[in-house]
C-alpha atoms as a PDB file:
ATOM      1  CA  MET A   1       4.710  76.451  12.657  1.00  0.00           C
ATOM      2  CA  VAL A   2       6.199  79.463  11.717  1.00  0.00           C
ATOM      3  CA  GLU A   3       7.339  80.683  14.683  1.00  0.00           C
ATOM      4  CA  LEU A   4       7.896  77.137  16.223  1.00  0.00           C
ATOM      5  CA  LEU A   5      10.754  77.116  13.317  1.00  0.00           C
ATOM      6  CA  ILE A   6      11.870  80.328  13.625  1.00  0.00           C
ATOM      7  CA  VAL A   7      12.894  79.621  17.527  1.00  0.00           C
ATOM      8  CA  MET A   8      14.582  76.276  16.300  1.00  0.00           C
ATOM      9  CA  ALA A   9      16.942  78.066  14.038  1.00  0.00           C
ATOM     10  CA  ILE A  10      17.325  80.457  16.819  1.00  0.00           C
ATOM     11  CA  LEU A  11      18.186  77.865  19.359  1.00  0.00           C
ATOM     12  CA  LEU A  12      20.451  75.999  16.683  1.00  0.00           C
ATOM     13  CA  ILE A  13      22.338  79.126  15.297  1.00  0.00           C
ATOM     14  CA  MET A  14      23.335  79.716  19.831  1.00  0.00           C
ATOM     15  CA  ILE A  15      24.059  76.176  20.009  1.00  0.00           C
ATOM     16  CA  THR A  16      26.392  76.536  16.875  1.00  0.00           C
ATOM     17  CA  MET A  17      27.779  79.958  18.143  1.00  0.00           C
ATOM     18  CA  MET A  18      28.538  78.170  21.506  1.00  0.00           C
ATOM     19  CA  VAL A  19      30.000  74.796  20.734  1.00  0.00           C
ATOM     20  CA  GLY A  20      32.304  77.281  18.387  1.00  0.00           C
ATOM     21  CA  VAL A  21      33.132  79.396  21.821  1.00  0.00           C
ATOM     22  CA  PHE A  22      34.296  76.410  23.460  1.00  0.00           C
ATOM     23  CA  ASN A  23      36.204  74.667  20.387  1.00  0.00           C
ATOM     24  CA  SER A  24      38.220  77.970  19.925  1.00  0.00           C
ATOM     25  CA  VAL A  25      38.872  78.125  24.057  1.00  0.00           C
ATOM     26  CA  GLY A  26      40.411  74.619  23.968  1.00  0.00           C
ATOM     27  CA  ILE A  27      42.538  75.539  20.109  1.00  0.00           C
ATOM     28  CA  PHE A  28      43.847  77.912  22.388  1.00  0.00           C
ATOM     29  CA  ASN A  29      44.516  76.536  25.537  1.00  0.00           C
ATOM     30  CA  LYS A  30      46.299  73.715  23.310  1.00  0.00           C
ATOM     31  CA  ALA A  31      48.083  75.870  21.733  1.00  0.00           C
ATOM     32  CA  ARG A  32      49.583  77.736  25.061  1.00  0.00           C
ATOM     33  CA  ASP A  33      50.477  74.413  26.324  1.00  0.00           C
ATOM     34  CA  ALA A  34      52.280  73.910  22.394  1.00  0.00           C
ATOM     35  CA  ARG A  35      54.555  76.578  23.500  1.00  0.00           C
ATOM     36  CA  ARG A  36      54.920  75.382  27.259  1.00  0.00           C
ATOM     37  CA  LYS A  37      56.473  72.094  26.327  1.00  0.00           C
ATOM     38  CA  LYS A  38      58.335  73.343  23.233  1.00  0.00           C
ATOM     39  CA  ASP A  39      59.935  76.435  25.892  1.00  0.00           C
ATOM     40  CA  ILE A  40      60.847  74.067  28.242  1.00  0.00           C
ATOM     41  CA  GLY A  41      62.575  71.753  25.849  1.00  0.00           C
ATOM     42  CA  ARG A  42      64.759  74.537  24.968  1.00  0.00           C
ATOM     43  CA  ILE A  43      65.541  75.641  28.391  1.00  0.00           C
ATOM     44  CA  LYS A  44      66.154  71.756  28.924  1.00  0.00           C
ATOM     45  CA  ILE A  45      69.011  71.965  26.054  1.00  0.00           C
ATOM     46  CA  ALA A  46      70.605  74.898  27.419  1.00  0.00           C
ATOM     47  CA  PHE A  47      71.098  73.811  30.765  1.00  0.00           C
ATOM     48  CA  GLU A  48      72.819  70.664  28.687  1.00  0.00           C
ATOM     49  CA  ASP A  49      74.850  73.350  27.327  1.00  0.00           C
ATOM     50  CA  TYR A  50      75.830  74.464  30.086  1.00  0.00           C
ATOM     51  CA  TYR A  51      76.442  71.772  31.709  1.00  0.00           C
ATOM     52  CA  ASN A  52      78.923  70.810  29.031  1.00  0.00           C
ATOM     53  CA  ASP A  53      80.628  74.059  29.304  1.00  0.00           C
ATOM     54  CA  LYS A  54      80.892  73.933  33.385  1.00  0.00           C
ATOM     55  CA  GLY A  55      80.587  70.773  34.736  1.00  0.00           C
ATOM     56  CA  CYS A  56      77.540  71.419  36.663  1.00  0.00           C
ATOM     57  CA  TYR A  57      74.063  72.527  36.155  1.00  0.00           C
ATOM     58  CA  PRO A  58      72.941  76.282  36.875  1.00  0.00           C
ATOM     59  CA  SER A  59      73.334  77.078  40.618  1.00  0.00           C
ATOM     60  CA  PRO A  60      70.425  77.688  42.612  1.00  0.00           C
ATOM     61  CA  THR A  61      71.458  81.389  42.727  1.00  0.00           C
ATOM     62  CA  VAL A  62      71.586  81.517  39.177  1.00  0.00           C
ATOM     63  CA  VAL A  63      68.197  80.212  38.887  1.00  0.00           C
ATOM     64  CA  ALA A  64      66.389  82.503  41.476  1.00  0.00           C
ATOM     65  CA  ASN A  65      68.020  85.066  39.001  1.00  0.00           C
ATOM     66  CA  LEU A  66      66.562  83.073  35.841  1.00  0.00           C
ATOM     67  CA  MET A  67      63.299  83.046  37.767  1.00  0.00           C
ATOM     68  CA  LEU A  68      62.745  86.947  37.985  1.00  0.00           C
ATOM     69  CA  ALA A  69      59.887  87.916  35.749  1.00  0.00           C
ATOM     70  CA  THR A  70      61.694  90.425  35.067  1.00  0.00           C
ATOM     71  CA  ASN A  71      64.361  88.547  33.072  1.00  0.00           C
ATOM     72  CA  CYS A  72      61.491  86.792  30.619  1.00  0.00           C
ATOM     73  CA  SER A  73      62.201  87.738  26.885  1.00  0.00           C
ATOM     74  CA  THR A  74      65.669  89.086  27.743  1.00  0.00           C
ATOM     75  CA  GLY A  75      69.358  87.800  27.369  1.00  0.00           C
ATOM     76  CA  VAL A  76      69.929  86.891  30.908  1.00  0.00           C
ATOM     77  CA  PHE A  77      71.543  83.474  30.043  1.00  0.00           C
ATOM     78  CA  LYS A  78      73.648  84.472  27.104  1.00  0.00           C
ATOM     79  CA  PRO A  79      75.229  82.254  25.273  1.00  0.00           C
ATOM     80  CA  TRP A  80      73.390  79.694  26.356  1.00  0.00           C
ATOM     81  CA  LEU A  81      69.612  80.726  25.586  1.00  0.00           C
ATOM     82  CA  PRO A  82      69.346  84.352  23.324  1.00  0.00           C
ATOM     83  CA  SER A  83      66.258  85.305  24.689  1.00  0.00           C
ATOM     84  CA  TRP A  84      64.515  83.771  28.110  1.00  0.00           C
ATOM     85  CA  PRO A  85      61.271  82.142  27.508  1.00  0.00           C
ATOM     86  CA  CYS A  86      58.572  82.345  30.329  1.00  0.00           C
ATOM     87  CA  ASP A  87      54.897  80.794  29.998  1.00  0.00           C
ATOM     88  CA  PRO A  88      52.478  82.501  28.140  1.00  0.00           C
ATOM     89  CA  GLY A  89      51.276  84.476  31.036  1.00  0.00           C
ATOM     90  CA  TRP A  90      54.537  86.208  31.376  1.00  0.00           C
ATOM     91  CA  ILE A  91      55.238  83.786  34.337  1.00  0.00           C
ATOM     92  CA  PRO A  92      58.302  82.220  34.873  1.00  0.00           C
ATOM     93  CA  TYR A  93      58.680  77.993  34.322  1.00  0.00           C
ATOM     94  CA  GLN A  94      59.610  76.652  37.937  1.00  0.00           C
ATOM     95  CA  ILE A  95      63.106  75.389  38.040  1.00  0.00           C
ATOM     96  CA  VAL A  96      64.439  73.177  41.290  1.00  0.00           C
ATOM     97  CA  VAL A  97      67.862  71.933  40.829  1.00  0.00           C
ATOM     98  CA  GLU A  98      69.807  70.000  43.341  1.00  0.00           C
ATOM     99  CA  THR A  99      70.420  72.510  46.327  1.00  0.00           C
ATOM    100  CA  PHE A 100      73.310  72.606  48.983  1.00  0.00           C
ATOM    101  CA  VAL A 101      73.941  73.980  52.372  1.00  0.00           C
ATOM    102  CA  GLY A 102      75.004  77.626  51.319  1.00  0.00           C
ATOM    103  CA  ASP A 103      74.699  77.142  48.191  1.00  0.00           C
ATOM    104  CA  VAL A 104      78.156  75.819  47.970  1.00  0.00           C
ATOM    105  CA  GLY A 105      78.351  73.127  45.774  1.00  0.00           C
ATOM    106  CA  CYS A 106      77.750  71.600  42.045  1.00  0.00           C
ATOM    107  CA  PRO A 107      74.109  70.996  41.155  1.00  0.00           C
ATOM    108  CA  LYS A 108      73.826  67.436  39.268  1.00  0.00           C
ATOM    109  CA  TRP A 109      70.491  67.293  38.557  1.00  0.00           C
ATOM    110  CA  PHE A 110      67.752  69.836  37.414  1.00  0.00           C
ATOM    111  CA  LYS A 111      63.697  70.105  36.622  1.00  0.00           C
ATOM    112  CA  ILE A 112      61.932  72.518  34.938  1.00  0.00           C
ATOM    113  CA  LEU A 113      58.214  72.501  35.727  1.00  0.00           C
ATOM    114  CA  THR A 114      54.887  73.995  33.890  1.00  0.00           C
ATOM    115  CA  LYS A 115      51.187  73.391  34.149  1.00  0.00           C
ATOM    116  CA  LEU A 116      49.716  72.815  31.536  1.00  0.00           C
ATOM    117  CA  GLU A 117      46.121  73.264  30.829  1.00  0.00           C
ATOM    118  CA  ASN A 118      44.900  70.780  29.099  1.00  0.00           C
ATOM    119  CA  LYS A 119      44.245  68.075  32.192  1.00  0.00           C
ATOM    120  CA  ASN A 120      43.929  65.281  30.172  1.00  0.00           C
ATOM    121  CA  ASP A 121      47.373  66.058  28.142  1.00  0.00           C
ATOM    122  CA  SER A 122      48.954  62.531  27.370  1.00  0.00           C
ATOM    123  CA  GLY A 123      52.177  63.890  29.330  1.00  0.00           C
ATOM    124  CA  ILE A 124      50.302  64.369  32.894  1.00  0.00           C
ATOM    125  CA  PRO A 125      50.614  61.275  34.902  1.00  0.00           C
ATOM    126  CA  GLY A 126      47.629  59.339  35.502  1.00  0.00           C
ATOM    127  CA  GLY A 127      45.609  60.426  39.005  1.00  0.00           C
ATOM    128  CA  TRP A 128      48.205  63.481  39.137  1.00  0.00           C
ATOM    129  CA  GLU A 129      45.841  65.922  40.474  1.00  0.00           C
ATOM    130  CA  GLU A 130      43.956  63.504  42.814  1.00  0.00           C
ATOM    131  CA  MET A 131      47.162  62.507  44.386  1.00  0.00           C
ATOM    132  CA  VAL A 132      47.323  63.869  48.046  1.00  0.00           C
ATOM    133  CA  PHE A 133      50.639  65.617  48.077  1.00  0.00           C
ATOM    134  CA  VAL A 134      53.925  64.973  45.720  1.00  0.00           C
ATOM    135  CA  ASN A 135      56.906  66.906  46.447  1.00  0.00           C
ATOM    136  CA  LEU A 136      58.771  67.855  43.431  1.00  0.00           C
ATOM    137  CA  GLY A 137      61.602  70.106  45.080  1.00  0.00           C
ATOM    138  CA  GLY A 138      61.757  73.675  45.498  1.00  0.00           C
ATOM    139  CA  GLY A 139      58.361  74.315  47.141  1.00  0.00           C
ATOM    140  CA  TYR A 140      56.363  73.018  43.906  1.00  0.00           C
ATOM    141  CA  ASN A 141      53.987  69.710  43.999  1.00  0.00           C
ATOM    142  CA  ASN A 142      51.550  68.531  41.978  1.00  0.00           C
ATOM    143  CA  GLN A 143      49.032  70.668  42.346  1.00  0.00           C
ATOM    144  CA  THR A 144      51.365  73.596  41.257  1.00  0.00           C
ATOM    145  CA  SER A 145      52.663  71.680  38.284  1.00  0.00           C
ATOM    146  CA  ASN A 146      51.689  69.198  36.007  1.00  0.00           C
ATOM    147  CA  PHE A 147      54.502  68.668  33.254  1.00  0.00           C
ATOM    148  CA  GLY A 148      58.172  68.909  32.697  1.00  0.00           C
ATOM    149  CA  VAL A 149      61.241  68.222  31.416  1.00  0.00           C
ATOM    150  CA  SER A 150      64.649  67.372  33.388  1.00  0.00           C
ATOM    151  CA  SER A 151      68.225  66.193  33.330  1.00  0.00           C
ATOM    152  CA  THR A 152      68.726  62.422  32.210  1.00  0.00           C
ATOM    153  CA  ASN A 153      69.450  61.191  35.583  1.00  0.00           C
ATOM    154  CA  ILE A 154      66.388  61.718  37.341  1.00  0.00           C
ATOM    155  CA  ASN A 155      62.620  62.443  36.211  1.00  0.00           C
ATOM    156  CA  TRP A 156      60.654  65.495  36.442  1.00  0.00           C
ATOM    157  CA  TYR A 157      57.760  63.700  38.591  1.00  0.00           C
ATOM    158  CA  ASP A 158      60.335  62.424  40.926  1.00  0.00           C
ATOM    159  CA  VAL A 159      60.049  63.113  44.853  1.00  0.00           C
ATOM    160  CA  LYS A 160      63.629  64.889  45.855  1.00  0.00           C
ATOM    161  CA  LEU A 161      64.992  64.535  49.088  1.00  0.00           C
ATOM    162  CA  ASP A 162      64.997  68.100  51.323  1.00  0.00           C
ATOM    163  CA  PRO A 163      68.722  69.414  52.086  1.00  0.00           C
ATOM    164  CA  GLU A 164      67.046  70.633  55.229  1.00  0.00           C
ATOM    165  CA  CYS A 165      66.348  67.380  56.090  1.00  0.00           C
ATOM    166  CA  ALA A 166      70.004  66.326  56.458  1.00  0.00           C
ATOM    167  CA  ALA A 167      70.224  67.196  60.345  1.00  0.00           C
ATOM    168  CA  TYR A 168      67.689  64.371  60.894  1.00  0.00           C
ATOM    169  CA  GLY A 169      69.541  61.308  59.441  1.00  0.00           C
ATOM    170  CA  GLY A 170      68.726  58.847  56.700  1.00  0.00           C
ATOM    171  CA  CYS A 171      66.874  59.275  54.097  1.00  0.00           C
ATOM    172  CA  GLN A 172      64.578  61.848  54.563  1.00  0.00           C
ATOM    173  CA  PHE A 173      61.657  63.837  52.848  1.00  0.00           C
ATOM    174  CA  LYS A 174      60.045  67.092  53.704  1.00  0.00           C
ATOM    175  CA  GLU A 175      56.180  66.361  53.978  1.00  0.00           C
ATOM    176  CA  ASN A 176      55.607  69.826  54.458  1.00  0.00           C
ATOM    177  CA  PRO A 177      57.749  72.069  52.242  1.00  0.00           C
ATOM    178  CA  ASP A 178      57.144  74.851  54.792  1.00  0.00           C
ATOM    179  CA  ASP A 179      57.760  73.261  58.137  1.00  0.00           C
ATOM    180  CA  PRO A 180      61.386  71.940  58.573  1.00  0.00           C
ATOM    181  CA  GLY A 181      60.013  69.605  61.179  1.00  0.00           C
ATOM    182  CA  SER A 182      57.709  67.746  59.253  1.00  0.00           C
ATOM    183  CA  CYS A 183      60.857  65.905  58.040  1.00  0.00           C
ATOM    184  CA  ASN A 184      60.430  62.013  58.034  1.00  0.00           C
ATOM    185  CA  ALA A 185      62.870  58.764  57.275  1.00  0.00           C
ATOM    186  CA  THR A 186      62.937  55.761  55.997  1.00  0.00           C
ATOM    187  CA  ASP A 187      64.907  53.369  58.166  1.00  0.00           C
ATOM    188  CA  GLY A 188      67.685  51.752  57.122  1.00  0.00           C
ATOM    189  CA  CYS A 189      67.511  49.253  53.558  1.00  0.00           C
ATOM    190  CA  VAL A 190      63.852  48.678  52.913  1.00  0.00           C
ATOM    191  CA  GLU A 191      61.654  48.217  49.827  1.00  0.00           C
ATOM    192  CA  PRO A 192      59.822  51.122  48.221  1.00  0.00           C
ATOM    193  CA  ASN A 193      57.136  52.620  50.481  1.00  0.00           C
ATOM    194  CA  CYS A 194      54.992  55.380  49.938  1.00  0.00           C
ATOM    195  CA  TYR A 195      56.390  58.673  51.959  1.00  0.00           C
ATOM    196  CA  LEU A 196      52.183  59.752  52.243  1.00  0.00           C
ATOM    197  CA  GLY A 197      52.269  57.123  55.150  1.00  0.00           C
ATOM    198  CA  HIS A 198      50.990  54.041  53.366  1.00  0.00           C
ATOM    199  CA  THR A 199      52.778  51.149  54.230  1.00  0.00           C
ATOM    200  CA  ASN A 200      51.434  48.894  51.797  1.00  0.00           C
ATOM    201  CA  GLU A 201      53.566  49.141  48.607  1.00  0.00           C
ATOM    202  CA  GLY A 202      50.486  48.021  46.549  1.00  0.00           C
ATOM    203  CA  SER A 203      48.803  51.326  47.560  1.00  0.00           C
ATOM    204  CA  CYS A 204      50.884  53.437  46.296  1.00  0.00           C
ATOM    205  CA  VAL A 205      51.979  55.181  42.953  1.00  0.00           C
ATOM    206  CA  ASP A 206      55.053  55.621  41.109  1.00  0.00           C
ATOM    207  CA  VAL A 207      55.958  58.908  41.629  1.00  0.00           C
ATOM    208  CA  CYS A 208      55.544  58.919  45.604  1.00  0.00           C
ATOM    209  CA  GLN A 209      57.851  56.268  46.278  1.00  0.00           C
ATOM    210  CA  VAL A 210      61.100  56.526  47.612  1.00  0.00           C
ATOM    211  CA  ALA A 211      64.017  54.294  46.928  1.00  0.00           C
ATOM    212  CA  CYS A 212      65.965  51.907  48.950  1.00  0.00           C
ATOM    213  CA  CYS A 213      68.403  53.698  51.441  1.00  0.00           C
ATOM    214  CA  GLY A 214      70.863  52.752  53.901  1.00  0.00           C
ATOM    215  CA  THR A 215      73.426  49.624  54.562  1.00  0.00           C
ATOM    216  CA  GLY A 216      73.401  47.214  51.553  1.00  0.00           C
ATOM    217  CA  CYS A 217      71.389  49.370  49.444  1.00  0.00           C
ATOM    218  CA  GLU A 218      72.947  50.321  45.788  1.00  0.00           C
END
């Protein structure tokens, strides 16, 4: 009886220790996620200040420089941000801005994306990772990102049309970011259809619908 009690006590101690370890991991994950949210929130404010000063958001060239790991915790974006924040894993946050052929133009929207470790975070759209493909622009999709912030004229999870598809005419999206030939179009003024190939509007989630386009659309 005594031996049985000793074994049960040992098992109880081991279970308690394992629960403590798992709780600690969860706490650290949430702490890192909290930092990610704070960081991209700071970048958003800095980008809005930049826009107020220059009338445009940072160009793709500026963004490419900001996303170099060597610029983490440096003054690369002064005076708008004293120290450039990066993910706790020392990885630059994902940034997407409106792009133009030859980098000529004035970006009017931006997205700042990250991937939270807590898959149950309330800021992640429902069923996000189960969706086949959601193109967030800049080569990022729902597998590389699950949370973000953006300029006020766009949602961070909106599907963005790719400028490389302009040659195909009409409203275009790039189904495969690495294949310019994968551009597809919605013809004329249409009700929202899912760009993943569904024709039934009811089968689509909001983030993979394309807006009405063409003559007669507002």
